[in-house]
Amino acid sequence: MTYNKMVKSIPKENREKLSDRLIDTILKSKRVDKMPDRLAKNILSRWSQGPLTDDDSLAELLEASVLLEPEKTVESLKQKLQMVNLAKAVEQVSAKGG
């Protein structure tokens, strides 16, 4: 399953909270060298245009968060956001290597 498919089912009322949590995970990561330049530039470009709550923006945030902090991302999805199905999908993708 792709990150785009994963985020399509997220209700609008949960998107801002998810976006904020993923951004926090990315910004606090000490593994920034693992994020491809292309992904970082895309996220920054989208962020300059407004909130990162559309499907493409959330998919890129999720991808970046999983690349940098896979365990923290899954834990956050399960514990703090109560998005167990999304966490399971992320775990499957992580186990396959991205």
Protein backbone atom coordinates (compact mmCIF):
# COMPACT_ATOMS: atom_id res chain seq x y z
CA MET A 1 0.00 0.00 0.00
CA THR A 2 1.33 3.44 -0.86
CA TYR A 3 1.36 6.40 1.51
CA ASN A 4 -1.16 8.18 -0.74
CA LYS A 5 -3.61 5.29 -0.37
CA MET A 6 -3.06 5.23 3.39
CA VAL A 7 -4.00 8.87 3.93
CA LYS A 8 -7.08 8.93 1.68
CA SER A 9 -9.21 7.36 4.40
CA ILE A 10 -8.28 9.89 7.08
CA PRO A 11 -11.28 12.07 7.97
CA LYS A 12 -10.92 15.83 7.51
CA GLU A 13 -11.34 16.46 11.22
CA ASN A 14 -8.22 14.36 11.99
CA ARG A 15 -5.92 15.68 9.27
CA GLU A 16 -4.62 18.79 11.02
CA LYS A 17 -3.80 16.84 14.18
CA LEU A 18 -2.01 14.17 12.12
CA SER A 19 -0.11 16.79 10.14
CA ASP A 20 1.03 18.57 13.32
CA ARG A 21 2.15 15.30 14.93
CA LEU A 22 4.11 14.20 11.85
CA ILE A 23 5.76 17.61 11.52
CA ASP A 24 6.81 17.44 15.19
CA THR A 25 8.31 13.98 14.66
CA ILE A 26 10.22 15.15 11.58
CA LEU A 27 11.52 18.36 13.16
CA LYS A 28 12.66 16.62 16.35
CA SER A 29 14.44 13.81 14.53
CA LYS A 30 18.19 13.54 14.74
CA ARG A 31 18.22 11.41 11.57
CA VAL A 32 17.58 14.19 9.05
CA ASP A 33 20.30 12.80 6.80
CA LYS A 34 17.94 9.92 5.94
CA MET A 35 15.43 12.20 4.22
CA PRO A 36 15.92 12.59 0.46
CA ASP A 37 16.36 16.20 -0.69
CA ARG A 38 13.42 15.79 -3.08
CA LEU A 39 11.07 14.93 -0.23
CA ALA A 40 12.27 17.78 1.99
CA LYS A 41 11.90 20.30 -0.83
CA ASN A 42 8.40 19.06 -1.69
CA ILE A 43 7.27 19.36 1.92
CA LEU A 44 8.72 22.85 2.32
CA SER A 45 7.17 23.97 -0.96
CA ARG A 46 3.74 22.66 0.04
CA TRP A 47 4.07 24.16 3.52
CA SER A 48 4.75 27.61 2.06
CA GLN A 49 1.42 27.33 0.21
CA GLY A 50 -0.68 26.51 3.27
CA PRO A 51 -1.58 23.78 5.75
CA LEU A 52 -0.24 20.29 5.04
CA THR A 53 -3.60 18.54 5.25
CA ASP A 54 -4.36 17.43 1.68
CA ASP A 55 -3.70 13.85 0.55
CA ASP A 56 -0.37 14.55 -1.18
CA SER A 57 1.01 16.63 1.69
CA LEU A 58 0.01 14.10 4.34
CA ALA A 59 1.46 11.27 2.25
CA GLU A 60 4.81 13.07 2.03
CA LEU A 61 4.80 13.90 5.74
CA LEU A 62 4.01 10.30 6.58
CA GLU A 63 6.76 9.03 4.27
CA ALA A 64 9.30 11.43 5.80
CA SER A 65 8.28 10.59 9.35
CA VAL A 66 8.55 6.85 8.66
CA LEU A 67 11.94 7.27 7.00
CA LEU A 68 13.32 9.25 9.93
CA GLU A 69 11.55 7.75 12.93
CA PRO A 70 9.57 4.61 12.06
CA GLU A 71 9.02 3.44 15.64
CA LYS A 72 8.05 6.88 16.94
CA THR A 73 5.68 7.38 14.02
CA VAL A 74 3.86 4.11 14.64
CA GLU A 75 3.71 4.73 18.39
CA SER A 76 2.33 8.22 17.83
CA LEU A 77 -0.29 6.96 15.40
CA LYS A 78 -1.43 4.27 17.83
CA GLN A 79 -1.17 5.98 21.20
CA LYS A 80 -1.59 9.70 20.64
CA LEU A 81 -3.81 9.81 17.56
CA GLN A 82 -5.75 6.55 17.97
CA MET A 83 -5.15 5.72 14.28
CA VAL A 84 -4.53 2.01 14.71
CA ASN A 85 -5.36 1.01 11.11
CA LEU A 86 -2.99 3.62 9.72
CA ALA A 87 -0.30 2.47 12.16
CA LYS A 88 -0.72 -1.13 10.98
CA ALA A 89 -0.42 -0.08 7.33
CA VAL A 90 2.73 1.90 8.16
CA GLU A 91 4.21 -1.10 9.98
CA GLN A 92 3.62 -3.29 6.93
CA VAL A 93 5.30 -0.78 4.62
CA SER A 94 8.19 -0.32 7.06
CA ALA A 95 8.71 -4.07 7.29
CA LYS A 96 8.97 -4.24 3.50
CA GLY A 97 11.60 -1.51 3.47
CA GLY A 98 9.60 1.56 2.54
